[in-house]
PDB file of N, CA and C in Angstrom:
ATOM      1  N   MET A   1      10.948 -84.453  70.646  1.00  0.00           N
ATOM      2  CA  MET A   1      11.714 -85.597  70.223  1.00  0.00           C
ATOM      3  C   MET A   1      12.345 -85.286  68.866  1.00  0.00           C
ATOM      4  N   HIS A   2      13.630 -85.620  68.723  1.00  0.00           N
ATOM      5  CA  HIS A   2      14.310 -85.379  67.455  1.00  0.00           C
ATOM      6  C   HIS A   2      14.244 -86.631  66.581  1.00  0.00           C
ATOM      7  N   GLN A   3      14.324 -86.402  65.268  1.00  0.00           N
ATOM      8  CA  GLN A   3      14.313 -87.531  64.340  1.00  0.00           C
ATOM      9  C   GLN A   3      15.733 -88.010  64.108  1.00  0.00           C
ATOM     10  N   VAL A   4      15.875 -89.312  63.975  1.00  0.00           N
ATOM     11  CA  VAL A   4      17.169 -89.939  63.745  1.00  0.00           C
ATOM     12  C   VAL A   4      17.084 -90.718  62.438  1.00  0.00           C
ATOM     13  N   PHE A   5      18.105 -90.557  61.599  1.00  0.00           N
ATOM     14  CA  PHE A   5      18.116 -91.256  60.318  1.00  0.00           C
ATOM     15  C   PHE A   5      19.414 -92.040  60.163  1.00  0.00           C
ATOM     16  N   ILE A   6      19.295 -93.268  59.694  1.00  0.00           N
ATOM     17  CA  ILE A   6      20.448 -94.095  59.337  1.00  0.00           C
ATOM     18  C   ILE A   6      20.050 -94.882  58.094  1.00  0.00           C
ATOM     19  N   GLY A   7      20.951 -94.884  57.110  1.00  0.00           N
ATOM     20  CA  GLY A   7      20.746 -95.755  55.965  1.00  0.00           C
ATOM     21  C   GLY A   7      21.162 -97.161  56.348  1.00  0.00           C
ATOM     22  N   ARG A   8      20.411 -98.147  55.890  1.00  0.00           N
ATOM     23  CA  ARG A   8      20.721 -99.543  56.190  1.00  0.00           C
ATOM     24  C   ARG A   8      20.709-100.310  54.877  1.00  0.00           C
ATOM     25  N   GLN A   9      21.897-100.673  54.428  1.00  0.00           N
ATOM     26  CA  GLN A   9      22.049-101.355  53.143  1.00  0.00           C
ATOM     27  C   GLN A   9      22.384-102.819  53.380  1.00  0.00           C
ATOM     28  N   PRO A  10      21.567-103.743  52.855  1.00  0.00           N
ATOM     29  CA  PRO A  10      21.870-105.161  53.085  1.00  0.00           C
ATOM     30  C   PRO A  10      23.108-105.597  52.306  1.00  0.00           C
ATOM     31  N   ILE A  11      23.843-106.522  52.899  1.00  0.00           N
ATOM     32  CA  ILE A  11      24.973-107.185  52.252  1.00  0.00           C
ATOM     33  C   ILE A  11      24.577-108.656  52.142  1.00  0.00           C
ATOM     34  N   PHE A  12      24.583-109.164  50.930  1.00  0.00           N
ATOM     35  CA  PHE A  12      24.111-110.524  50.675  1.00  0.00           C
ATOM     36  C   PHE A  12      25.271-111.495  50.522  1.00  0.00           C
ATOM     37  N   ASP A  13      25.029-112.756  50.903  1.00  0.00           N
ATOM     38  CA  ASP A  13      26.019-113.801  50.655  1.00  0.00           C
ATOM     39  C   ASP A  13      25.807-114.349  49.238  1.00  0.00           C
ATOM     40  N   ARG A  14      26.593-115.318  48.854  1.00  0.00           N
ATOM     41  CA  ARG A  14      26.517-115.840  47.480  1.00  0.00           C
ATOM     42  C   ARG A  14      25.202-116.552  47.186  1.00  0.00           C
ATOM     43  N   ASP A  15      24.453-116.916  48.223  1.00  0.00           N
ATOM     44  CA  ASP A  15      23.143-117.554  48.031  1.00  0.00           C
ATOM     45  C   ASP A  15      22.000-116.547  48.111  1.00  0.00           C
ATOM     46  N   ASN A  16      22.345-115.258  48.041  1.00  0.00           N
ATOM     47  CA  ASN A  16      21.381-114.162  48.051  1.00  0.00           C
ATOM     48  C   ASN A  16      20.602-114.057  49.364  1.00  0.00           C
ATOM     49  N   ARG A  17      21.239-114.479  50.462  1.00  0.00           N
ATOM     50  CA  ARG A  17      20.673-114.306  51.800  1.00  0.00           C
ATOM     51  C   ARG A  17      21.364-113.124  52.463  1.00  0.00           C
ATOM     52  N   VAL A  18      20.632-112.399  53.296  1.00  0.00           N
ATOM     53  CA  VAL A  18      21.232-111.260  54.001  1.00  0.00           C
ATOM     54  C   VAL A  18      22.292-111.776  54.963  1.00  0.00           C
ATOM     55  N   PHE A  19      23.508-111.299  54.785  1.00  0.00           N
ATOM     56  CA  PHE A  19      24.643-111.657  55.637  1.00  0.00           C
ATOM     57  C   PHE A  19      24.850-110.610  56.720  1.00  0.00           C
ATOM     58  N   ALA A  20      24.684-109.337  56.327  1.00  0.00           N
ATOM     59  CA  ALA A  20      24.942-108.218  57.232  1.00  0.00           C
ATOM     60  C   ALA A  20      24.253-106.975  56.675  1.00  0.00           C
ATOM     61  N   TYR A  21      24.372-105.885  57.427  1.00  0.00           N
ATOM     62  CA  TYR A  21      23.882-104.586  56.965  1.00  0.00           C
ATOM     63  C   TYR A  21      24.992-103.562  57.128  1.00  0.00           C
ATOM     64  N   GLU A  22      25.174-102.735  56.107  1.00  0.00           N
ATOM     65  CA  GLU A  22      26.072-101.593  56.226  1.00  0.00           C
ATOM     66  C   GLU A  22      25.233-100.423  56.709  1.00  0.00           C
ATOM     67  N   LEU A  23      25.685 -99.789  57.793  1.00  0.00           N
ATOM     68  CA  LEU A  23      24.967 -98.651  58.358  1.00  0.00           C
ATOM     69  C   LEU A  23      25.604 -97.378  57.826  1.00  0.00           C
ATOM     70  N   LEU A  24      24.769 -96.498  57.281  1.00  0.00           N
ATOM     71  CA  LEU A  24      25.253 -95.317  56.574  1.00  0.00           C
ATOM     72  C   LEU A  24      24.611 -94.049  57.123  1.00  0.00           C
ATOM     73  N   TRP A  25      25.373 -92.969  57.135  1.00  0.00           N
ATOM     74  CA  TRP A  25      24.894 -91.684  57.624  1.00  0.00           C
ATOM     75  C   TRP A  25      23.867 -91.106  56.666  1.00  0.00           C
ATOM     76  N   ARG A  26      22.804 -90.557  57.229  1.00  0.00           N
ATOM     77  CA  ARG A  26      21.793 -89.837  56.462  1.00  0.00           C
ATOM     78  C   ARG A  26      21.347 -88.621  57.261  1.00  0.00           C
ATOM     79  N   ALA A  27      21.110 -87.513  56.551  1.00  0.00           N
ATOM     80  CA  ALA A  27      20.663 -86.288  57.214  1.00  0.00           C
ATOM     81  C   ALA A  27      19.151 -86.237  57.331  1.00  0.00           C
ATOM     82  N   GLY A  28      18.472 -86.987  56.530  1.00  0.00           N
ATOM     83  CA  GLY A  28      17.018 -86.985  56.540  1.00  0.00           C
ATOM     84  C   GLY A  28      16.495 -88.147  55.741  1.00  0.00           C
ATOM     85  N   ASN A  29      15.274 -88.046  55.332  1.00  0.00           N
ATOM     86  CA  ASN A  29      14.609 -89.121  54.607  1.00  0.00           C
ATOM     87  C   ASN A  29      15.026 -89.067  53.135  1.00  0.00           C
ATOM     88  N   GLN A  30      16.272 -89.445  52.881  1.00  0.00           N
ATOM     89  CA  GLN A  30      16.815 -89.441  51.528  1.00  0.00           C
ATOM     90  C   GLN A  30      17.694 -90.667  51.342  1.00  0.00           C
ATOM     91  N   SER A  31      17.977 -91.019  50.090  1.00  0.00           N
ATOM     92  CA  SER A  31      18.712 -92.252  49.838  1.00  0.00           C
ATOM     93  C   SER A  31      20.206 -92.041  49.637  1.00  0.00           C
ATOM     94  N   SER A  32      20.688 -90.813  49.725  1.00  0.00           N
ATOM     95  CA  SER A  32      22.126 -90.570  49.565  1.00  0.00           C
ATOM     96  C   SER A  32      22.609 -89.645  50.674  1.00  0.00           C
ATOM     97  N   ALA A  33      23.926 -89.543  50.784  1.00  0.00           N
ATOM     98  CA  ALA A  33      24.515 -88.726  51.849  1.00  0.00           C
ATOM     99  C   ALA A  33      25.384 -87.638  51.254  1.00  0.00           C
ATOM    100  N   SER A  34      25.359 -86.496  51.891  1.00  0.00           N
ATOM    101  CA  SER A  34      26.246 -85.398  51.533  1.00  0.00           C
ATOM    102  C   SER A  34      26.631 -84.716  52.839  1.00  0.00           C
ATOM    103  N   PHE A  35      27.924 -84.793  53.194  1.00  0.00           N
ATOM    104  CA  PHE A  35      28.358 -84.215  54.454  1.00  0.00           C
ATOM    105  C   PHE A  35      29.757 -83.650  54.292  1.00  0.00           C
ATOM    106  N   ALA A  36      30.086 -82.691  55.136  1.00  0.00           N
ATOM    107  CA  ALA A  36      31.386 -82.031  55.070  1.00  0.00           C
ATOM    108  C   ALA A  36      32.386 -82.632  56.044  1.00  0.00           C
ATOM    109  N   ASP A  37      31.928 -83.235  57.125  1.00  0.00           N
ATOM    110  CA  ASP A  37      32.806 -83.730  58.179  1.00  0.00           C
ATOM    111  C   ASP A  37      32.585 -85.231  58.370  1.00  0.00           C
ATOM    112  N   GLY A  38      33.496 -86.037  57.833  1.00  0.00           N
ATOM    113  CA  GLY A  38      33.378 -87.487  57.929  1.00  0.00           C
ATOM    114  C   GLY A  38      33.408 -87.989  59.352  1.00  0.00           C
ATOM    115  N   ASP A  39      34.252 -87.384  60.206  1.00  0.00           N
ATOM    116  CA  ASP A  39      34.302 -87.799  61.608  1.00  0.00           C
ATOM    117  C   ASP A  39      32.946 -87.602  62.281  1.00  0.00           C
ATOM    118  N   GLN A  40      32.291 -86.470  61.991  1.00  0.00           N
ATOM    119  CA  GLN A  40      30.989 -86.208  62.592  1.00  0.00           C
ATOM    120  C   GLN A  40      29.935 -87.170  62.054  1.00  0.00           C
ATOM    121  N   ALA A  41      30.007 -87.488  60.761  1.00  0.00           N
ATOM    122  CA  ALA A  41      29.054 -88.442  60.191  1.00  0.00           C
ATOM    123  C   ALA A  41      29.213 -89.812  60.842  1.00  0.00           C
ATOM    124  N   THR A  42      30.462 -90.261  61.029  1.00  0.00           N
ATOM    125  CA  THR A  42      30.701 -91.552  61.687  1.00  0.00           C
ATOM    126  C   THR A  42      30.215 -91.512  63.129  1.00  0.00           C
ATOM    127  N   THR A  43      30.488 -90.417  63.828  1.00  0.00           N
ATOM    128  CA  THR A  43      30.009 -90.265  65.205  1.00  0.00           C
ATOM    129  C   THR A  43      28.492 -90.357  65.259  1.00  0.00           C
ATOM    130  N   ASP A  44      27.813 -89.679  64.323  1.00  0.00           N
ATOM    131  CA  ASP A  44      26.350 -89.719  64.296  1.00  0.00           C
ATOM    132  C   ASP A  44      25.834 -91.140  64.067  1.00  0.00           C
ATOM    133  N   VAL A  45      26.445 -91.867  63.133  1.00  0.00           N
ATOM    134  CA  VAL A  45      26.016 -93.245  62.878  1.00  0.00           C
ATOM    135  C   VAL A  45      26.201 -94.090  64.128  1.00  0.00           C
ATOM    136  N   LEU A  46      27.366 -93.983  64.765  1.00  0.00           N
ATOM    137  CA  LEU A  46      27.628 -94.776  65.972  1.00  0.00           C
ATOM    138  C   LEU A  46      26.648 -94.444  67.086  1.00  0.00           C
ATOM    139  N   LEU A  47      26.461 -93.159  67.359  1.00  0.00           N
ATOM    140  CA  LEU A  47      25.550 -92.761  68.435  1.00  0.00           C
ATOM    141  C   LEU A  47      24.115 -93.161  68.129  1.00  0.00           C
ATOM    142  N   ASN A  48      23.669 -92.903  66.903  1.00  0.00           N
ATOM    143  CA  ASN A  48      22.287 -93.232  66.547  1.00  0.00           C
ATOM    144  C   ASN A  48      22.057 -94.737  66.565  1.00  0.00           C
ATOM    145  N   ALA A  49      23.024 -95.496  66.039  1.00  0.00           N
ATOM    146  CA  ALA A  49      22.866 -96.955  65.988  1.00  0.00           C
ATOM    147  C   ALA A  49      22.924 -97.573  67.372  1.00  0.00           C
ATOM    148  N   LEU A  50      23.816 -97.081  68.224  1.00  0.00           N
ATOM    149  CA  LEU A  50      24.009 -97.694  69.538  1.00  0.00           C
ATOM    150  C   LEU A  50      23.065 -97.153  70.596  1.00  0.00           C
ATOM    151  N   MET A  51      22.801 -95.858  70.559  1.00  0.00           N
ATOM    152  CA  MET A  51      22.048 -95.235  71.655  1.00  0.00           C
ATOM    153  C   MET A  51      20.581 -94.978  71.314  1.00  0.00           C
ATOM    154  N   ASP A  52      20.327 -94.367  70.164  1.00  0.00           N
ATOM    155  CA  ASP A  52      18.956 -93.960  69.850  1.00  0.00           C
ATOM    156  C   ASP A  52      18.099 -95.097  69.318  1.00  0.00           C
ATOM    157  N   ILE A  53      18.649 -95.881  68.412  1.00  0.00           N
ATOM    158  CA  ILE A  53      17.869 -96.935  67.772  1.00  0.00           C
ATOM    159  C   ILE A  53      18.192 -98.300  68.370  1.00  0.00           C
ATOM    160  N   GLY A  54      19.463 -98.611  68.455  1.00  0.00           N
ATOM    161  CA  GLY A  54      19.917 -99.902  68.961  1.00  0.00           C
ATOM    162  C   GLY A  54      20.280-100.835  67.820  1.00  0.00           C
ATOM    163  N   LEU A  55      21.444-101.467  67.949  1.00  0.00           N
ATOM    164  CA  LEU A  55      21.897-102.385  66.897  1.00  0.00           C
ATOM    165  C   LEU A  55      20.940-103.559  66.710  1.00  0.00           C
ATOM    166  N   ASP A  56      20.349-104.040  67.781  1.00  0.00           N
ATOM    167  CA  ASP A  56      19.417-105.158  67.660  1.00  0.00           C
ATOM    168  C   ASP A  56      18.252-104.807  66.736  1.00  0.00           C
ATOM    169  N   ARG A  57      17.729-103.599  66.871  1.00  0.00           N
ATOM    170  CA  ARG A  57      16.613-103.181  66.019  1.00  0.00           C
ATOM    171  C   ARG A  57      17.065-102.944  64.590  1.00  0.00           C
ATOM    172  N   LEU A  58      18.300-102.516  64.397  1.00  0.00           N
ATOM    173  CA  LEU A  58      18.793-102.218  63.047  1.00  0.00           C
ATOM    174  C   LEU A  58      19.227-103.454  62.272  1.00  0.00           C
ATOM    175  N   VAL A  59      19.914-104.371  62.936  1.00  0.00           N
ATOM    176  CA  VAL A  59      20.513-105.492  62.201  1.00  0.00           C
ATOM    177  C   VAL A  59      20.080-106.862  62.711  1.00  0.00           C
ATOM    178  N   GLY A  60      19.352-106.919  63.818  1.00  0.00           N
ATOM    179  CA  GLY A  60      18.929-108.207  64.356  1.00  0.00           C
ATOM    180  C   GLY A  60      20.135-109.061  64.701  1.00  0.00           C
ATOM    181  N   ASN A  61      20.159-110.279  64.207  1.00  0.00           N
ATOM    182  CA  ASN A  61      21.281-111.169  64.508  1.00  0.00           C
ATOM    183  C   ASN A  61      22.357-111.127  63.420  1.00  0.00           C
ATOM    184  N   HIS A  62      22.292-110.130  62.561  1.00  0.00           N
ATOM    185  CA  HIS A  62      23.296-109.950  61.505  1.00  0.00           C
ATOM    186  C   HIS A  62      24.403-109.019  61.987  1.00  0.00           C
ATOM    187  N   ALA A  63      25.511-109.022  61.280  1.00  0.00           N
ATOM    188  CA  ALA A  63      26.611-108.096  61.584  1.00  0.00           C
ATOM    189  C   ALA A  63      26.269-106.703  61.072  1.00  0.00           C
ATOM    190  N   ALA A  64      26.878-105.700  61.699  1.00  0.00           N
ATOM    191  CA  ALA A  64      26.753-104.311  61.264  1.00  0.00           C
ATOM    192  C   ALA A  64      28.106-103.853  60.735  1.00  0.00           C
ATOM    193  N   PHE A  65      28.144-103.420  59.489  1.00  0.00           N
ATOM    194  CA  PHE A  65      29.349-102.854  58.894  1.00  0.00           C
ATOM    195  C   PHE A  65      29.268-101.345  59.040  1.00  0.00           C
ATOM    196  N   ILE A  66      30.333-100.741  59.583  1.00  0.00           N
ATOM    197  CA  ILE A  66      30.341 -99.296  59.824  1.00  0.00           C
ATOM    198  C   ILE A  66      31.606 -98.693  59.227  1.00  0.00           C
ATOM    199  N   ASN A  67      31.415 -97.673  58.365  1.00  0.00           N
ATOM    200  CA  ASN A  67      32.533 -96.964  57.761  1.00  0.00           C
ATOM    201  C   ASN A  67      33.249 -96.126  58.806  1.00  0.00           C
ATOM    202  N   LEU A  68      34.578 -96.186  58.791  1.00  0.00           N
ATOM    203  CA  LEU A  68      35.363 -95.368  59.709  1.00  0.00           C
ATOM    204  C   LEU A  68      36.252 -94.409  58.927  1.00  0.00           C
ATOM    205  N   THR A  69      36.395 -93.228  59.455  1.00  0.00           N
ATOM    206  CA  THR A  69      37.338 -92.272  58.894  1.00  0.00           C
ATOM    207  C   THR A  69      38.732 -92.590  59.432  1.00  0.00           C
ATOM    208  N   ARG A  70      39.729 -91.948  58.872  1.00  0.00           N
ATOM    209  CA  ARG A  70      41.109 -92.143  59.337  1.00  0.00           C
ATOM    210  C   ARG A  70      41.241 -91.798  60.824  1.00  0.00           C
ATOM    211  N   GLY A  71      40.534 -90.752  61.264  1.00  0.00           N
ATOM    212  CA  GLY A  71      40.582 -90.371  62.676  1.00  0.00           C
ATOM    213  C   GLY A  71      40.130 -91.487  63.594  1.00  0.00           C
ATOM    214  N   PHE A  72      39.084 -92.202  63.216  1.00  0.00           N
ATOM    215  CA  PHE A  72      38.621 -93.346  64.007  1.00  0.00           C
ATOM    216  C   PHE A  72      39.580 -94.513  63.874  1.00  0.00           C
ATOM    217  N   ASP A  73      40.085 -94.746  62.660  1.00  0.00           N
ATOM    218  CA  ASP A  73      41.038 -95.840  62.447  1.00  0.00           C
ATOM    219  C   ASP A  73      42.263 -95.682  63.338  1.00  0.00           C
ATOM    220  N   LEU A  74      42.767 -94.459  63.433  1.00  0.00           N
ATOM    221  CA  LEU A  74      43.995 -94.196  64.188  1.00  0.00           C
ATOM    222  C   LEU A  74      43.757 -94.010  65.679  1.00  0.00           C
ATOM    223  N   GLY A  75      42.510 -94.015  66.108  1.00  0.00           N
ATOM    224  CA  GLY A  75      42.213 -93.844  67.528  1.00  0.00           C
ATOM    225  C   GLY A  75      42.153 -92.395  67.963  1.00  0.00           C
ATOM    226  N   GLU A  76      42.178 -91.458  67.008  1.00  0.00           N
ATOM    227  CA  GLU A  76      42.058 -90.036  67.355  1.00  0.00           C
ATOM    228  C   GLU A  76      40.630 -89.713  67.780  1.00  0.00           C
ATOM    229  N   GLN A  77      39.677 -90.490  67.298  1.00  0.00           N
ATOM    230  CA  GLN A  77      38.279 -90.399  67.690  1.00  0.00           C
ATOM    231  C   GLN A  77      37.955 -91.701  68.435  1.00  0.00           C
ATOM    232  N   PRO A  78      37.275 -91.627  69.554  1.00  0.00           N
ATOM    233  CA  PRO A  78      37.035 -92.842  70.346  1.00  0.00           C
ATOM    234  C   PRO A  78      35.947 -93.732  69.753  1.00  0.00           C
ATOM    235  N   LEU A  79      36.175 -95.026  69.815  1.00  0.00           N
ATOM    236  CA  LEU A  79      35.165 -96.015  69.436  1.00  0.00           C
ATOM    237  C   LEU A  79      34.466 -96.514  70.693  1.00  0.00           C
ATOM    238  N   PRO A  80      33.148 -96.545  70.687  1.00  0.00           N
ATOM    239  CA  PRO A  80      32.447 -97.082  71.854  1.00  0.00           C
ATOM    240  C   PRO A  80      32.553 -98.604  71.872  1.00  0.00           C
ATOM    241  N   ASN A  81      32.299 -99.195  73.038  1.00  0.00           N
ATOM    242  CA  ASN A  81      32.195-100.650  73.118  1.00  0.00           C
ATOM    243  C   ASN A  81      30.953-101.078  72.371  1.00  0.00           C
ATOM    244  N   MET A  82      31.102-102.095  71.540  1.00  0.00           N
ATOM    245  CA  MET A  82      29.974-102.575  70.747  1.00  0.00           C
ATOM    246  C   MET A  82      29.818-104.059  70.992  1.00  0.00           C
ATOM    247  N   GLN A  83      28.629-104.466  71.437  1.00  0.00           N
ATOM    248  CA  GLN A  83      28.377-105.849  71.809  1.00  0.00           C
ATOM    249  C   GLN A  83      28.067-106.749  70.615  1.00  0.00           C
ATOM    250  N   ASN A  84      27.255-106.259  69.686  1.00  0.00           N
ATOM    251  CA  ASN A  84      26.872-107.083  68.533  1.00  0.00           C
ATOM    252  C   ASN A  84      28.055-107.242  67.592  1.00  0.00           C
ATOM    253  N   PRO A  85      27.976-108.211  66.688  1.00  0.00           N
ATOM    254  CA  PRO A  85      29.048-108.327  65.701  1.00  0.00           C
ATOM    255  C   PRO A  85      29.120-107.062  64.860  1.00  0.00           C
ATOM    256  N   VAL A  86      30.218-106.353  64.982  1.00  0.00           N
ATOM    257  CA  VAL A  86      30.436-105.117  64.231  1.00  0.00           C
ATOM    258  C   VAL A  86      31.698-105.291  63.411  1.00  0.00           C
ATOM    259  N   VAL A  87      31.617-104.917  62.140  1.00  0.00           N
ATOM    260  CA  VAL A  87      32.757-104.966  61.242  1.00  0.00           C
ATOM    261  C   VAL A  87      33.119-103.528  60.906  1.00  0.00           C
ATOM    262  N   LEU A  88      34.353-103.157  61.188  1.00  0.00           N
ATOM    263  CA  LEU A  88      34.830-101.810  60.916  1.00  0.00           C
ATOM    264  C   LEU A  88      35.365-101.758  59.494  1.00  0.00           C
ATOM    265  N   GLU A  89      34.861-100.813  58.720  1.00  0.00           N
ATOM    266  CA  GLU A  89      35.256-100.700  57.323  1.00  0.00           C
ATOM    267  C   GLU A  89      36.335 -99.633  57.151  1.00  0.00           C
ATOM    268  N   ILE A  90      37.416-100.013  56.486  1.00  0.00           N
ATOM    269  CA  ILE A  90      38.471 -99.082  56.110  1.00  0.00           C
ATOM    270  C   ILE A  90      38.085 -98.538  54.739  1.00  0.00           C
ATOM    271  N   LEU A  91      37.846 -97.247  54.660  1.00  0.00           N
ATOM    272  CA  LEU A  91      37.365 -96.635  53.420  1.00  0.00           C
ATOM    273  C   LEU A  91      38.431 -96.605  52.337  1.00  0.00           C
ATOM    274  N   GLU A  92      37.981 -96.662  51.113  1.00  0.00           N
ATOM    275  CA  GLU A  92      38.879 -96.729  49.964  1.00  0.00           C
ATOM    276  C   GLU A  92      39.694 -95.459  49.754  1.00  0.00           C
ATOM    277  N   ASP A  93      39.242 -94.329  50.285  1.00  0.00           N
ATOM    278  CA  ASP A  93      39.969 -93.077  50.072  1.00  0.00           C
ATOM    279  C   ASP A  93      40.960 -92.760  51.195  1.00  0.00           C
ATOM    280  N   ILE A  94      41.139 -93.682  52.123  1.00  0.00           N
ATOM    281  CA  ILE A  94      42.095 -93.476  53.210  1.00  0.00           C
ATOM    282  C   ILE A  94      43.461 -93.970  52.769  1.00  0.00           C
ATOM    283  N   GLU A  95      44.457 -93.100  52.895  1.00  0.00           N
ATOM    284  CA  GLU A  95      45.817 -93.445  52.476  1.00  0.00           C
ATOM    285  C   GLU A  95      46.410 -94.511  53.395  1.00  0.00           C
ATOM    286  N   MET A  96      46.896 -95.571  52.789  1.00  0.00           N
ATOM    287  CA  MET A  96      47.523 -96.648  53.541  1.00  0.00           C
ATOM    288  C   MET A  96      48.965 -96.263  53.855  1.00  0.00           C
ATOM    289  N   ASP A  97      49.320 -96.300  55.123  1.00  0.00           N
ATOM    290  CA  ASP A  97      50.692 -96.027  55.538  1.00  0.00           C
ATOM    291  C   ASP A  97      50.988 -96.836  56.794  1.00  0.00           C
ATOM    292  N   ASP A  98      52.209 -96.720  57.317  1.00  0.00           N
ATOM    293  CA  ASP A  98      52.597 -97.517  58.482  1.00  0.00           C
ATOM    294  C   ASP A  98      51.731 -97.223  59.702  1.00  0.00           C
ATOM    295  N   ASP A  99      51.380 -95.953  59.933  1.00  0.00           N
ATOM    296  CA  ASP A  99      50.538 -95.610  61.080  1.00  0.00           C
ATOM    297  C   ASP A  99      49.183 -96.302  60.998  1.00  0.00           C
ATOM    298  N   LEU A 100      48.618 -96.329  59.799  1.00  0.00           N
ATOM    299  CA  LEU A 100      47.315 -96.969  59.633  1.00  0.00           C
ATOM    300  C   LEU A 100      47.423 -98.482  59.831  1.00  0.00           C
ATOM    301  N   LEU A 101      48.470 -99.091  59.313  1.00  0.00           N
ATOM    302  CA  LEU A 101      48.650-100.541  59.493  1.00  0.00           C
ATOM    303  C   LEU A 101      48.775-100.915  60.965  1.00  0.00           C
ATOM    304  N   VAL A 102      49.535-100.123  61.724  1.00  0.00           N
ATOM    305  CA  VAL A 102      49.672-100.374  63.161  1.00  0.00           C
ATOM    306  C   VAL A 102      48.312-100.240  63.846  1.00  0.00           C
ATOM    307  N   ALA A 103      47.568 -99.207  63.490  1.00  0.00           N
ATOM    308  CA  ALA A 103      46.256 -98.964  64.103  1.00  0.00           C
ATOM    309  C   ALA A 103      45.281-100.097  63.784  1.00  0.00           C
ATOM    310  N   ILE A 104      45.290-100.571  62.539  1.00  0.00           N
ATOM    311  CA  ILE A 104      44.399-101.665  62.153  1.00  0.00           C
ATOM    312  C   ILE A 104      44.750-102.935  62.923  1.00  0.00           C
ATOM    313  N   LYS A 105      46.035-103.195  63.091  1.00  0.00           N
ATOM    314  CA  LYS A 105      46.449-104.369  63.869  1.00  0.00           C
ATOM    315  C   LYS A 105      45.971-104.268  65.312  1.00  0.00           C
ATOM    316  N   LYS A 106      46.000-103.061  65.887  1.00  0.00           N
ATOM    317  CA  LYS A 106      45.505-102.866  67.254  1.00  0.00           C
ATOM    318  C   LYS A 106      43.999-103.113  67.341  1.00  0.00           C
ATOM    319  N   LEU A 107      43.258-102.612  66.350  1.00  0.00           N
ATOM    320  CA  LEU A 107      41.812-102.839  66.340  1.00  0.00           C
ATOM    321  C   LEU A 107      41.498-104.327  66.229  1.00  0.00           C
ATOM    322  N   ALA A 108      42.226-105.028  65.359  1.00  0.00           N
ATOM    323  CA  ALA A 108      42.018-106.465  65.205  1.00  0.00           C
ATOM    324  C   ALA A 108      42.379-107.203  66.493  1.00  0.00           C
ATOM    325  N   ALA A 109      43.462-106.807  67.142  1.00  0.00           N
ATOM    326  CA  ALA A 109      43.874-107.440  68.400  1.00  0.00           C
ATOM    327  C   ALA A 109      42.848-107.189  69.507  1.00  0.00           C
ATOM    328  N   ALA A 110      42.125-106.071  69.410  1.00  0.00           N
ATOM    329  CA  ALA A 110      41.084-105.758  70.393  1.00  0.00           C
ATOM    330  C   ALA A 110      39.794-106.524  70.106  1.00  0.00           C
ATOM    331  N   GLY A 111      39.780-107.312  69.034  1.00  0.00           N
ATOM    332  CA  GLY A 111      38.628-108.151  68.744  1.00  0.00           C
ATOM    333  C   GLY A 111      37.722-107.657  67.629  1.00  0.00           C
ATOM    334  N   TYR A 112      38.027-106.510  67.038  1.00  0.00           N
ATOM    335  CA  TYR A 112      37.200-106.007  65.946  1.00  0.00           C
ATOM    336  C   TYR A 112      37.495-106.764  64.655  1.00  0.00           C
ATOM    337  N   GLN A 113      36.453-106.991  63.879  1.00  0.00           N
ATOM    338  CA  GLN A 113      36.628-107.500  62.526  1.00  0.00           C
ATOM    339  C   GLN A 113      36.835-106.300  61.615  1.00  0.00           C
ATOM    340  N   ILE A 114      37.691-106.470  60.604  1.00  0.00           N
ATOM    341  CA  ILE A 114      38.044-105.377  59.705  1.00  0.00           C
ATOM    342  C   ILE A 114      37.674-105.780  58.277  1.00  0.00           C
ATOM    343  N   ALA A 115      37.143-104.834  57.513  1.00  0.00           N
ATOM    344  CA  ALA A 115      36.847-105.053  56.099  1.00  0.00           C
ATOM    345  C   ALA A 115      37.347-103.854  55.307  1.00  0.00           C
ATOM    346  N   LEU A 116      37.723-104.103  54.073  1.00  0.00           N
ATOM    347  CA  LEU A 116      38.116-103.036  53.163  1.00  0.00           C
ATOM    348  C   LEU A 116      36.901-102.648  52.336  1.00  0.00           C
ATOM    349  N   ASP A 117      36.553-101.365  52.352  1.00  0.00           N
ATOM    350  CA  ASP A 117      35.379-100.869  51.645  1.00  0.00           C
ATOM    351  C   ASP A 117      35.773-100.447  50.232  1.00  0.00           C
ATOM    352  N   ASP A 118      35.109-101.008  49.233  1.00  0.00           N
ATOM    353  CA  ASP A 118      35.353-100.665  47.822  1.00  0.00           C
ATOM    354  C   ASP A 118      36.825-100.721  47.447  1.00  0.00           C
ATOM    355  N   PHE A 119      37.512-101.731  47.939  1.00  0.00           N
ATOM    356  CA  PHE A 119      38.953-101.882  47.709  1.00  0.00           C
ATOM    357  C   PHE A 119      39.223-102.251  46.257  1.00  0.00           C
ATOM    358  N   ILE A 120      40.187-101.576  45.665  1.00  0.00           N
ATOM    359  CA  ILE A 120      40.673-101.907  44.336  1.00  0.00           C
ATOM    360  C   ILE A 120      42.175-102.158  44.468  1.00  0.00           C
ATOM    361  N   TYR A 121      42.598-103.341  44.095  1.00  0.00           N
ATOM    362  CA  TYR A 121      44.009-103.711  44.236  1.00  0.00           C
ATOM    363  C   TYR A 121      44.900-102.858  43.350  1.00  0.00           C
ATOM    364  N   THR A 122      46.010-102.419  43.922  1.00  0.00           N
ATOM    365  CA  THR A 122      47.088-101.792  43.160  1.00  0.00           C
ATOM    366  C   THR A 122      48.382-102.423  43.679  1.00  0.00           C
ATOM    367  N   PRO A 123      49.386-102.587  42.812  1.00  0.00           N
ATOM    368  CA  PRO A 123      50.644-103.228  43.249  1.00  0.00           C
ATOM    369  C   PRO A 123      51.300-102.539  44.434  1.00  0.00           C
ATOM    370  N   SER A 124      51.126-101.233  44.588  1.00  0.00           N
ATOM    371  CA  SER A 124      51.756-100.523  45.707  1.00  0.00           C
ATOM    372  C   SER A 124      51.185-100.959  47.062  1.00  0.00           C
ATOM    373  N   LEU A 125      49.990-101.527  47.070  1.00  0.00           N
ATOM    374  CA  LEU A 125      49.376-101.964  48.325  1.00  0.00           C
ATOM    375  C   LEU A 125      49.701-103.412  48.636  1.00  0.00           C
TER     376      LEU A 125
END
């Protein structure tokens, strides 16, 4: 049997109650991540959360926030069907352009909730 690791970071509402959990890639029993391939890290989180562990066991009745790379945002990497409330996070280091905006609109039209991860406003956006 292989070991599976996922970081689970709570997201609190303004009343300090758990609102959701952000699911994060981990290579082992450590509190930070270091990886060379973001697409592979996202794939590992999705597979481990959906297949090996199960979203119900990870987040219960809370939403799961999952970071996506540009490849997943644009549909170059496939997203599995997800039954529980899942919020797809657009990472702060992904360049915003027309292709990405079209892709995000498609994801939203397909029923996914979208969040901006560590977003810092700039007038160009």
